[in-house]
Amino acid sequence: MFVLGGAAGALGFKYVGFVCVVPLAALLLALSIPPLLRDIPRRRASSIS
């Protein structure tokens, strides 16, 4: 899936342009936010002790 996604992104960028990349980047950002929010309290707790 990683290779397929990379190829699709490269082809989309080549033929469509930057507009093709923005929704995919927004999706990846949205998927990364929940784990980030879960890690913030853990990181604060570990830095206190």
Protein backbone atom coordinates (compact mmCIF):
# COMPACT_ATOMS: atom_id res chain seq x y z
CA MET A 1 0.00 0.00 0.00
CA PHE A 2 2.91 2.36 0.71
CA VAL A 3 4.36 1.85 -2.77
CA LEU A 4 0.94 2.13 -4.39
CA GLY A 5 0.20 5.35 -2.49
CA GLY A 6 3.57 6.79 -3.43
CA ALA A 7 3.07 5.98 -7.09
CA ALA A 8 -0.47 7.40 -7.07
CA GLY A 9 0.74 10.59 -5.39
CA ALA A 10 3.62 11.01 -7.83
CA LEU A 11 1.40 10.48 -10.86
CA GLY A 12 -1.28 12.77 -9.47
CA PHE A 13 1.28 15.50 -8.83
CA LYS A 14 2.75 15.08 -12.29
CA TYR A 15 -0.53 15.21 -14.19
CA VAL A 16 -2.80 17.29 -11.92
CA GLY A 17 -0.33 19.35 -9.93
CA PHE A 18 -0.18 20.69 -6.40
CA VAL A 19 -3.99 20.58 -6.05
CA CYS A 20 -3.81 16.77 -6.04
CA VAL A 21 -1.42 16.72 -3.07
CA VAL A 22 -3.32 19.07 -0.74
CA PRO A 23 -6.27 16.75 0.10
CA LEU A 24 -3.92 13.83 0.72
CA ALA A 25 -1.75 15.95 3.01
CA ALA A 26 -4.84 17.15 4.88
CA LEU A 27 -5.97 13.55 5.34
CA LEU A 28 -2.58 12.54 6.76
CA LEU A 29 -2.62 15.53 9.08
CA ALA A 30 -6.11 14.63 10.30
CA LEU A 31 -5.02 11.04 10.95
CA SER A 32 -1.99 12.18 12.95
CA ILE A 33 -3.83 14.55 15.32
CA PRO A 34 -5.53 11.99 17.66
CA PRO A 35 -2.29 10.14 18.55
CA LEU A 36 -0.57 13.49 19.07
CA LEU A 37 -3.27 14.64 21.47
CA ARG A 38 -3.02 11.35 23.39
CA ASP A 39 0.76 11.71 23.74
CA ILE A 40 0.78 15.26 25.13
CA PRO A 41 -0.38 14.36 28.67
CA ARG A 42 1.98 11.37 28.77
CA ARG A 43 4.91 13.55 27.77
CA ARG A 44 4.10 16.14 30.44
CA ALA A 45 3.81 13.43 33.11
CA SER A 46 7.15 11.89 32.16
CA SER A 47 8.95 15.25 32.14
CA ILE A 48 7.76 16.03 35.70
CA SER A 49 9.35 12.97 37.27
